[in-house]
Amino acid sequence: MIITRLFPAAGLLTLSLPLIRAQTEPFIPFDTFLQGVQDATYEQWKGTAVESSAAFDTIKAHILSMYNGIGTISNTFILDVEYADCVDIDKQPTVRLLGVDSIQSPPSNASRPDSQGDGPAVEYADSPLKLGLTDRFGNRIYCPDKTIPLARLTLQKLTRFPNLQAFFAKSQDGSGLPSPPSNRQVVLTRRADEPHLHAIGSQNVKNFGGNSWLDLWNPVGDFSLSQQWYIGGTDDNIQTVEGGWIVYEQLFNTKKAVLFIFYTADNYGSQLCYNLDCGAFIQINSHWLLGGTWNHYSVSGGAQWGFEMQWKLYKGNWWLFLKGPGTYEAVGYYQAKIFKGGQLSKNAEAIQYGGEVTRWDRSHNWPQMGSGALPSAGWTKAAFQQSIFYIPDGSGGAGVWASLSTVVEGLKKCWDIAYTPSSKGGSWGSYFYFGGPGGKVCN
C-alpha cells in the first residue's frame, strides 16, 4: 500500500508542534471526543491526508464500531501526547468484535535458559502507568484493576493517512518483513519505491514464541524500530506476530520510541494492524499502554534502559509478556484463530530480531537505526538486544538460546549487526549490537 498525500500543510504543522499544541489545547473528555466523531463530516476534514469522502466515511465508521458498547470510562489520562481511556476489560473492542465469551488465563512465562559468566548491568524501564504519575491536567496516569488502557482512536490520528487500510499497515508500503536467509524459501515483493531495510538476526526453527531484552533509544528519522518477529507460512500466506519499540511520528505523533505490537495474517495485505487499533488483540493487563512512551531511555555513554518482551503460543493463544524491574507480566493475547488455520495457528517456523527502517520520500535521509551508532561502538554507545531465546514446544517448557544468522539490507556504513552466540555471551546469553547513523544513500 503506497500512501500519498501524507502531509498536507495543516498536517505538517500538527506534527511539527506537538508540544505547543499540548500546552494550548484543552483536555477532551471521552464523551466529548466520541460526540465529535459522531458529528464529524468530510467537509470538515477534507484538508487532511484522507483521500476521499468514501475513505473518510470508512475511517469514521471504524472508530465508531470500536467504541460501540464501550460502556463507562473509569479514567482518562494523557501520556506524552497520547490520550488513553480506561475501558472495562470485558467491553474492550476485541472482546466485543470477536464475540469472546470468556477471557483466558495466561500460562507462566517460559524459563530462561541457563547461562554462565557476567554481562554489563542494564536498567529495566517500567511502565509509566505504575509510577504514580499525573498528566498536565492533574489526571492520574493509571487504569483501575479490571480495566485496560486503550489508546484513543481519533480522527486527527486516522486522517493523517489516505484511508483505513493505510492506517492499519505497518508503514507506507504495508511491508515490514526482513528478506529471508537463503535457506528459507520465501520471496517477498517490495511494494514501494522506498523499501524497508533491516539489520537482523534470524533462525529457521520450529518455535512457539521467544524472548529478548530490548535496549531503548530514540533514533531520528521517519520510521525506525527494534523488534521481534515470529514468522510462519510462505508467499501471500506469510503470518507474523511482532513487537518491540518504534519511532513512527506519523502514526504516534511523537518523536519518542513507543511500545508496540503488530500482526499480519496475510503477508501484510488486509489482515493486519498495530496494538488495539482493530479487533485482534485481547488485553488483560491494566498497567501497560500499547502505543505509550517510557520515562527512561538509554543515554550514549550512560545508563542503558530497556525492557524484556516475550511471546508464547499456548493452548491456542499467542500470549504477550513484558518485564520491567519486577517479574514478567502477561499483557494479553492474540487468539490463534485470527490466523484462520494458517501456519501461526499451529506454530511459527522462524524467529527474527533486530532493526528496521524506511523513509517516506527520496528527499529524506534514511533514518538512524538503534542508537544511531554502528555496532562497533559497543557498550553504552550502540543499541542491542540480549537474552534472545526461542520456545521449542507448546507445553510451557524452558527456552533454548537462539543461534542466529545475520542479515543486513542496505549499506553497512548506514547500519550493521554484530552477533555473539550464547556460548560467549555470559549472562546475556545470545545477543547482538546493531544499528547505525543512516544517511542520504543507504541502498
Protein backbone atom coordinates (compact mmCIF):
# COMPACT_ATOMS: atom_id res chain seq x y z
CA MET A 1 0.00 0.00 0.00
CA ILE A 2 1.62 3.25 -1.14
CA ILE A 3 0.43 6.25 0.83
CA THR A 4 0.10 9.54 -0.99
CA ARG A 5 -0.82 12.98 0.29
CA LEU A 6 0.70 12.08 3.63
CA PHE A 7 1.31 15.55 4.98
CA PRO A 8 -0.95 18.42 3.91
CA ALA A 9 0.11 21.82 5.22
CA ALA A 10 -2.12 21.54 8.28
CA GLY A 11 -0.79 18.06 9.00
CA LEU A 12 2.81 19.25 8.86
CA LEU A 13 2.05 21.95 11.39
CA THR A 14 0.30 19.48 13.64
CA LEU A 15 3.22 17.07 13.65
CA SER A 16 5.93 19.71 14.00
CA LEU A 17 4.38 21.39 17.02
CA PRO A 18 3.00 18.63 19.26
CA LEU A 19 4.29 20.21 22.47
CA ILE A 20 2.89 23.65 21.64
CA ARG A 21 -0.48 22.10 20.89
CA ALA A 22 -0.31 20.09 24.10
CA GLN A 23 0.20 23.25 26.12
CA THR A 24 -2.67 25.19 24.50
CA GLU A 25 -5.37 22.59 23.79
CA PRO A 26 -7.98 21.88 26.47
CA PHE A 27 -8.46 18.42 27.94
CA ILE A 28 -11.02 16.47 25.90
CA PRO A 29 -13.24 14.14 27.97
CA PHE A 30 -14.20 10.83 26.41
CA ASP A 31 -17.85 11.73 25.82
CA THR A 32 -16.85 14.98 24.11
CA PHE A 33 -14.39 13.12 21.89
CA LEU A 34 -16.94 10.50 20.87
CA GLN A 35 -19.65 13.05 20.16
CA GLY A 36 -17.17 14.91 17.97
CA VAL A 37 -16.59 11.77 15.90
CA GLN A 38 -20.32 11.17 15.55
CA ASP A 39 -20.91 14.74 14.33
CA ALA A 40 -17.88 14.92 12.00
CA THR A 41 -18.28 15.39 8.24
CA TYR A 42 -15.89 15.01 5.35
CA GLU A 43 -16.15 18.72 4.60
CA GLN A 44 -14.56 19.44 7.98
CA TRP A 45 -11.66 17.05 7.32
CA LYS A 46 -11.01 17.21 3.57
CA GLY A 47 -7.92 19.35 4.13
CA THR A 48 -6.17 16.38 5.74
CA ALA A 49 -4.48 13.42 4.04
CA VAL A 50 -7.72 11.41 3.73
CA GLU A 51 -8.19 10.74 0.03
CA SER A 52 -11.97 10.92 -0.46
CA SER A 53 -15.36 11.24 1.17
CA ALA A 54 -15.78 7.46 0.99
CA ALA A 55 -12.43 6.91 2.72
CA PHE A 56 -13.42 9.35 5.45
CA ASP A 57 -16.74 7.58 5.97
CA THR A 58 -14.90 4.25 6.36
CA ILE A 59 -12.49 5.75 8.89
CA LYS A 60 -15.33 7.29 10.87
CA ALA A 61 -17.32 4.04 10.82
CA HIS A 62 -14.30 2.10 12.10
CA ILE A 63 -13.81 4.45 15.05
CA LEU A 64 -17.48 4.28 15.98
CA SER A 65 -17.54 0.48 15.69
CA MET A 66 -14.55 0.24 18.05
CA TYR A 67 -16.37 2.30 20.66
CA ASN A 68 -19.88 0.93 20.18
CA GLY A 69 -20.93 -0.59 23.52
CA ILE A 70 -17.72 0.52 25.23
CA GLY A 71 -19.51 1.27 28.50
CA THR A 72 -18.29 3.59 31.24
CA ILE A 73 -14.79 5.04 31.03
CA SER A 74 -13.32 4.89 34.54
CA ASN A 75 -10.37 7.23 33.89
CA THR A 76 -8.78 9.18 31.05
CA PHE A 77 -5.21 10.49 31.02
CA ILE A 78 -2.59 11.77 28.59
CA LEU A 79 0.81 10.07 28.41
CA ASP A 80 3.19 12.32 26.46
CA VAL A 81 0.74 13.24 23.65
CA GLU A 82 -1.40 10.10 23.68
CA TYR A 83 -4.88 10.05 25.20
CA ALA A 84 -5.73 6.78 26.94
CA ASP A 85 -9.18 5.76 28.15
CA CYS A 86 -9.59 3.06 30.81
CA VAL A 87 -12.08 0.55 29.41
CA ASP A 88 -13.74 -2.37 31.20
CA ILE A 89 -11.72 -5.46 30.27
CA ASP A 90 -14.91 -7.27 29.18
CA LYS A 91 -16.01 -4.39 26.94
CA GLN A 92 -12.76 -3.74 25.10
CA PRO A 93 -13.19 -3.68 21.32
CA THR A 94 -11.68 -7.08 20.51
CA VAL A 95 -13.81 -8.89 23.07
CA ARG A 96 -16.96 -7.36 21.60
CA LEU A 97 -16.00 -7.60 17.93
CA LEU A 98 -14.81 -11.22 18.11
CA GLY A 99 -17.65 -12.30 20.38
CA VAL A 100 -15.31 -13.57 23.08
CA ASP A 101 -17.30 -15.32 25.82
CA SER A 102 -14.54 -15.61 28.38
CA ILE A 103 -11.08 -14.12 28.66
CA GLN A 104 -8.37 -16.74 29.07
CA SER A 105 -5.90 -17.03 31.93
CA PRO A 106 -2.23 -16.79 30.98
CA PRO A 107 0.38 -19.51 31.29
CA SER A 108 3.63 -18.91 33.13
CA ASN A 109 6.36 -17.33 31.06
CA ALA A 110 8.99 -19.74 29.70
CA SER A 111 12.02 -20.36 31.88
CA ARG A 112 15.18 -18.56 30.89
CA PRO A 113 17.90 -20.95 29.68
CA ASP A 114 20.97 -21.40 31.85
CA SER A 115 23.89 -19.04 31.24
CA GLN A 116 27.38 -18.67 32.65
CA GLY A 117 29.52 -15.65 33.36
CA ASP A 118 28.75 -11.98 33.70
CA GLY A 119 27.45 -9.26 31.42
CA PRO A 120 27.08 -5.48 31.64
CA ALA A 121 24.36 -4.33 34.02
CA VAL A 122 21.22 -2.83 32.48
CA GLU A 123 18.32 -0.81 33.88
CA TYR A 124 14.74 -2.04 33.47
CA ALA A 125 12.30 0.65 32.34
CA ASP A 126 8.91 0.29 33.99
CA SER A 127 5.54 1.22 32.59
CA PRO A 128 4.70 4.87 33.43
CA LEU A 129 1.25 3.64 34.49
CA LYS A 130 2.86 2.05 37.55
CA LEU A 131 4.85 5.09 38.72
CA GLY A 132 2.17 7.16 40.48
CA LEU A 133 2.35 10.00 37.93
CA THR A 134 -0.20 12.60 36.89
CA ASP A 135 -0.60 14.27 33.49
CA ARG A 136 -0.50 18.04 32.88
CA PHE A 137 -4.23 18.28 33.68
CA GLY A 138 -3.84 16.53 37.02
CA ASN A 139 -5.27 13.17 35.87
CA ARG A 140 -3.66 10.08 37.38
CA ILE A 141 -1.70 8.10 34.78
CA TYR A 142 -3.14 4.71 35.62
CA CYS A 143 -6.07 2.40 34.99
CA PRO A 144 -8.01 0.60 37.75
CA ASP A 145 -8.00 -3.16 38.06
CA LYS A 146 -10.28 -4.99 35.63
CA THR A 147 -9.84 -2.24 33.04
CA ILE A 148 -7.31 -1.80 30.24
CA PRO A 149 -5.76 1.40 28.81
CA LEU A 150 -6.99 1.97 25.26
CA ALA A 151 -5.06 4.50 23.18
CA ARG A 152 -7.73 6.79 21.79
CA LEU A 153 -8.58 6.34 18.11
CA THR A 154 -9.12 9.91 16.94
CA LEU A 155 -9.97 11.43 13.60
CA GLN A 156 -6.83 13.55 13.96
CA LYS A 157 -4.78 10.35 14.06
CA LEU A 158 -6.51 8.38 11.31
CA THR A 159 -6.83 11.25 8.81
CA ARG A 160 -3.06 11.56 8.65
CA PHE A 161 -3.46 8.58 6.27
CA PRO A 162 -5.37 8.40 2.96
CA ASN A 163 -7.61 5.53 4.05
CA LEU A 164 -8.21 2.99 6.81
CA GLN A 165 -6.02 0.27 5.29
CA ALA A 166 -3.07 2.64 5.12
CA PHE A 167 -3.57 3.43 8.80
CA PHE A 168 -3.51 -0.28 9.68
CA ALA A 169 -0.45 -1.03 7.51
CA LYS A 170 2.97 -1.29 9.08
CA SER A 171 4.09 1.70 7.04
CA GLN A 172 3.81 3.23 3.61
CA ASP A 173 4.05 0.11 1.51
CA GLY A 174 2.48 -2.21 4.07
CA SER A 175 5.51 -4.48 4.17
CA GLY A 176 7.87 -4.99 7.05
CA LEU A 177 9.45 -8.43 6.97
CA PRO A 178 13.22 -8.75 6.51
CA SER A 179 14.43 -10.54 3.44
CA PRO A 180 14.83 -14.17 4.48
CA PRO A 181 18.13 -16.02 4.69
CA SER A 182 18.88 -18.02 1.54
CA ASN A 183 17.85 -21.32 3.14
CA ARG A 184 14.27 -20.12 3.72
CA GLN A 185 12.13 -20.34 0.58
CA VAL A 186 10.23 -17.09 0.95
CA VAL A 187 10.21 -14.35 -1.66
CA LEU A 188 8.71 -11.01 -0.66
CA THR A 189 7.68 -8.49 -3.29
CA ARG A 190 8.56 -4.92 -2.42
CA ARG A 191 5.53 -2.70 -2.90
CA ALA A 192 7.05 0.77 -2.87
CA ASP A 193 9.96 2.72 -4.31
CA GLU A 194 11.42 3.10 -0.82
CA PRO A 195 11.77 -0.38 0.73
CA HIS A 196 12.07 -1.43 4.32
CA LEU A 197 15.70 -2.14 5.17
CA HIS A 198 16.88 -4.29 8.05
CA ALA A 199 19.77 -5.44 10.20
CA ILE A 200 18.57 -8.61 11.88
CA GLY A 201 19.48 -11.96 13.36
CA SER A 202 17.39 -14.86 12.06
CA GLN A 203 16.94 -18.56 12.71
CA ASN A 204 14.71 -21.01 10.89
CA VAL A 205 13.37 -23.22 13.64
CA LYS A 206 10.01 -24.56 14.72
CA ASN A 207 9.00 -22.44 17.68
CA PHE A 208 6.15 -21.37 19.91
CA GLY A 209 7.48 -17.86 20.52
CA GLY A 210 10.56 -16.39 22.10
CA ASN A 211 12.17 -13.65 24.12
CA SER A 212 14.61 -10.74 24.06
CA TRP A 213 15.66 -7.72 26.14
CA LEU A 214 15.38 -4.56 24.02
CA ASP A 215 17.64 -1.56 24.64
CA LEU A 216 15.53 1.65 24.42
CA TRP A 217 16.60 4.56 22.18
CA ASN A 218 15.06 7.44 20.24
CA PRO A 219 16.59 7.30 16.74
CA VAL A 220 15.95 10.19 14.35
CA GLY A 221 14.03 9.66 11.11
CA ASP A 222 10.72 8.78 9.50
CA PHE A 223 10.41 5.19 10.73
CA SER A 224 12.81 3.15 12.86
CA LEU A 225 12.29 0.23 15.21
CA SER A 226 13.82 -2.55 17.26
CA GLN A 227 11.63 -5.61 17.40
CA GLN A 228 10.95 -9.34 17.37
CA TRP A 229 9.29 -11.31 14.55
CA TYR A 230 7.75 -14.81 14.84
CA ILE A 231 7.01 -15.97 11.32
CA GLY A 232 5.23 -18.79 9.56
CA GLY A 233 3.99 -19.58 6.06
CA THR A 234 5.19 -18.62 2.59
CA ASP A 235 4.36 -16.15 -0.17
CA ASP A 236 0.99 -14.45 0.32
CA ASN A 237 0.29 -16.71 3.30
CA ILE A 238 3.11 -15.36 5.47
CA GLN A 239 1.88 -14.69 9.00
CA THR A 240 3.64 -12.88 11.84
CA VAL A 241 3.37 -11.85 15.44
CA GLU A 242 5.66 -8.90 16.16
CA GLY A 243 6.55 -6.44 18.91
CA GLY A 244 9.14 -4.08 20.33
CA TRP A 245 9.64 -0.32 20.24
CA ILE A 246 9.14 2.02 17.32
CA VAL A 247 9.71 5.65 16.32
CA TYR A 248 6.91 6.45 13.85
CA GLU A 249 5.81 10.05 14.29
CA GLN A 250 3.21 9.95 11.53
CA LEU A 251 1.23 7.32 13.44
CA PHE A 252 2.05 8.05 17.09
CA ASN A 253 2.52 11.84 16.92
CA THR A 254 5.75 11.74 18.93
CA LYS A 255 9.44 11.57 18.11
CA LYS A 256 9.96 9.21 21.06
CA ALA A 257 10.02 5.43 20.83
CA VAL A 258 6.75 3.80 21.87
CA LEU A 259 5.80 0.26 22.84
CA PHE A 260 4.09 -1.59 20.01
CA ILE A 261 2.78 -4.94 18.84
CA PHE A 262 1.69 -5.90 15.34
CA TYR A 263 0.30 -8.89 13.48
CA THR A 264 -0.46 -9.90 9.93
CA ALA A 265 -2.35 -12.98 8.77
CA ASP A 266 -1.84 -12.44 5.02
CA ASN A 267 1.66 -11.12 4.28
CA TYR A 268 0.85 -7.51 5.16
CA GLY A 269 -2.24 -7.50 2.95
CA SER A 270 -5.57 -6.61 4.55
CA GLN A 271 -5.43 -8.63 7.78
CA LEU A 272 -3.07 -6.61 9.96
CA CYS A 273 -2.87 -3.80 12.48
CA TYR A 274 -0.96 -2.27 15.38
CA ASN A 275 -1.78 -2.58 19.05
CA LEU A 276 -5.51 -2.30 19.83
CA ASP A 277 -6.33 -0.36 16.65
CA CYS A 278 -8.53 -3.19 15.34
CA GLY A 279 -10.35 -6.13 16.86
CA ALA A 280 -7.43 -8.57 17.12
CA PHE A 281 -5.51 -8.35 20.42
CA ILE A 282 -7.19 -9.03 23.78
CA GLN A 283 -5.53 -7.13 26.63
CA ILE A 284 -5.85 -8.35 30.22
CA ASN A 285 -3.40 -6.03 31.99
CA SER A 286 -4.18 -2.53 33.32
CA HIS A 287 -0.52 -1.48 33.63
CA TRP A 288 0.79 -1.28 30.06
CA LEU A 289 -0.29 1.19 27.36
CA LEU A 290 0.32 -0.16 23.86
CA GLY A 291 1.49 2.86 21.87
CA GLY A 292 2.81 4.56 25.01
CA THR A 293 6.18 6.15 25.69
CA TRP A 294 8.56 5.44 28.59
CA ASN A 295 10.02 7.68 31.29
CA HIS A 296 13.57 6.45 30.66
CA TYR A 297 15.61 5.90 27.52
CA SER A 298 19.23 4.86 27.10
CA VAL A 299 21.93 7.53 27.10
CA SER A 300 25.05 7.39 24.97
CA GLY A 301 27.91 6.75 27.38
CA GLY A 302 25.47 6.36 30.28
CA ALA A 303 22.72 4.13 31.66
CA GLN A 304 21.19 1.56 29.34
CA TRP A 305 17.43 1.30 29.82
CA GLY A 306 15.18 -1.30 28.27
CA PHE A 307 12.53 -3.96 28.79
CA GLU A 308 12.03 -7.64 28.16
CA MET A 309 9.40 -8.93 25.74
CA GLN A 310 8.27 -12.50 25.32
CA TRP A 311 5.70 -14.12 23.04
CA LYS A 312 4.35 -17.58 23.77
CA LEU A 313 1.86 -19.71 21.83
CA TYR A 314 -0.01 -21.69 24.47
CA LYS A 315 -3.31 -23.55 24.13
CA GLY A 316 -4.41 -21.67 21.06
CA ASN A 317 -3.35 -18.15 22.08
CA TRP A 318 -0.27 -16.05 21.29
CA TRP A 319 0.48 -14.53 24.70
CA LEU A 320 2.48 -11.32 25.19
CA PHE A 321 4.60 -10.90 28.33
CA LEU A 322 6.51 -7.75 29.31
CA LYS A 323 9.09 -7.38 32.04
CA GLY A 324 10.20 -4.21 33.75
CA PRO A 325 12.05 -4.14 37.09
CA GLY A 326 9.88 -6.92 38.52
CA THR A 327 8.65 -10.20 37.11
CA TYR A 328 7.15 -10.89 33.70
CA GLU A 329 3.57 -9.65 33.35
CA ALA A 330 1.06 -11.19 30.98
CA VAL A 331 -0.32 -8.28 28.92
CA GLY A 332 -2.76 -10.11 26.65
CA TYR A 333 -3.04 -12.38 23.65
CA TYR A 334 -3.95 -12.89 20.02
CA GLN A 335 -6.32 -15.80 19.56
CA ALA A 336 -4.62 -18.18 17.15
CA LYS A 337 -7.93 -18.47 15.29
CA ILE A 338 -7.38 -14.99 13.77
CA PHE A 339 -4.77 -16.76 11.61
CA LYS A 340 -7.63 -18.81 10.11
CA GLY A 341 -5.92 -22.19 10.05
CA GLY A 342 -2.65 -20.74 8.72
CA GLN A 343 0.82 -21.57 9.99
CA LEU A 344 0.70 -19.36 13.10
CA SER A 345 -2.42 -21.14 14.29
CA LYS A 346 -0.07 -24.10 14.84
CA ASN A 347 3.43 -22.74 15.46
CA ALA A 348 5.98 -20.37 13.96
CA GLU A 349 8.76 -21.52 11.64
CA ALA A 350 11.32 -18.75 12.08
CA ILE A 351 12.45 -16.18 14.63
CA GLN A 352 13.96 -12.80 13.77
CA TYR A 353 15.23 -9.96 15.97
CA GLY A 354 16.70 -6.62 15.05
CA GLY A 355 16.16 -3.24 13.45
CA GLU A 356 14.05 -1.94 10.58
CA VAL A 357 13.91 1.46 8.88
CA THR A 358 12.23 3.14 5.95
CA ARG A 359 11.80 6.67 4.68
CA TRP A 360 8.73 8.32 3.18
CA ASP A 361 10.45 10.21 0.39
CA ARG A 362 13.72 10.02 -1.52
CA SER A 363 14.50 13.58 -0.48
CA HIS A 364 14.65 12.43 3.16
CA ASN A 365 17.66 10.85 4.81
CA TRP A 366 17.44 7.19 5.70
CA PRO A 367 16.70 7.10 9.46
CA GLN A 368 19.07 6.23 12.21
CA MET A 369 18.74 2.66 13.41
CA GLY A 370 19.04 1.77 17.08
CA SER A 371 21.06 4.44 18.86
CA GLY A 372 22.43 5.88 15.63
CA ALA A 373 25.83 4.29 16.36
CA LEU A 374 27.29 1.32 14.49
CA PRO A 375 27.74 -1.97 16.40
CA SER A 376 31.49 -1.42 16.65
CA ALA A 377 30.82 1.43 19.10
CA GLY A 378 29.85 -1.25 21.63
CA TRP A 379 28.55 -0.99 25.19
CA THR A 380 26.71 2.24 26.16
CA LYS A 381 27.04 3.53 22.58
CA ALA A 382 25.41 1.02 20.23
CA ALA A 383 21.90 -0.38 20.64
CA PHE A 384 21.47 -4.07 21.39
CA GLN A 385 19.13 -6.92 22.10
CA GLN A 386 20.14 -9.62 24.56
CA SER A 387 18.70 -12.69 26.32
CA ILE A 388 17.44 -13.95 22.95
CA PHE A 389 15.85 -17.39 23.11
CA TYR A 390 13.01 -19.29 21.48
CA ILE A 391 10.38 -21.58 22.98
CA PRO A 392 10.67 -25.06 21.41
CA ASP A 393 7.29 -26.54 22.31
CA GLY A 394 3.78 -25.58 23.36
CA SER A 395 3.83 -27.20 26.77
CA GLY A 396 5.42 -24.35 28.69
CA GLY A 397 8.93 -25.75 28.85
CA ALA A 398 12.25 -23.94 29.08
CA GLY A 399 13.57 -21.78 26.28
CA VAL A 400 16.55 -22.51 24.04
CA TRP A 401 19.20 -19.92 23.27
CA ALA A 402 18.86 -18.64 19.72
CA SER A 403 21.53 -19.43 17.13
CA LEU A 404 21.21 -16.52 14.73
CA SER A 405 22.42 -15.84 11.22
CA THR A 406 22.73 -12.14 10.45
CA VAL A 407 21.19 -10.32 7.50
CA VAL A 408 21.89 -6.69 6.56
CA GLU A 409 19.81 -4.94 3.92
CA GLY A 410 21.41 -1.69 2.81
CA LEU A 411 24.93 -0.33 3.09
CA LYS A 412 26.93 -1.26 6.17
CA LYS A 413 28.11 2.33 6.54
CA CYS A 414 24.46 3.12 7.40
CA TRP A 415 23.75 0.24 9.79
CA ASP A 416 25.08 -3.20 10.65
CA ILE A 417 24.72 -6.02 13.19
CA ALA A 418 27.31 -7.91 15.26
CA TYR A 419 26.09 -11.16 16.84
CA THR A 420 27.54 -13.05 19.83
CA PRO A 421 26.34 -16.65 20.49
CA SER A 422 25.27 -17.84 23.92
CA SER A 423 28.50 -19.82 24.32
CA LYS A 424 30.36 -16.49 24.53
CA GLY A 425 27.56 -14.27 25.78
CA GLY A 426 27.88 -14.71 29.54
CA SER A 427 24.75 -13.71 31.46
CA TRP A 428 23.36 -12.07 28.31
CA GLY A 429 23.09 -15.42 26.53
CA SER A 430 22.65 -14.84 22.78
CA TYR A 431 22.87 -11.14 21.92
CA PHE A 432 23.82 -8.61 19.28
CA TYR A 433 24.70 -4.97 18.85
CA PHE A 434 23.07 -3.32 15.85
CA GLY A 435 22.23 -0.02 14.19
CA GLY A 436 23.91 2.95 12.64
CA PRO A 437 23.58 6.58 11.51
CA GLY A 438 21.55 6.11 8.32
CA GLY A 439 22.28 8.71 5.66
CA LYS A 440 21.33 10.03 2.27
CA VAL A 441 22.41 6.95 0.30
CA CYS A 442 21.95 3.60 2.07
CA ASN A 443 20.72 1.17 -0.61
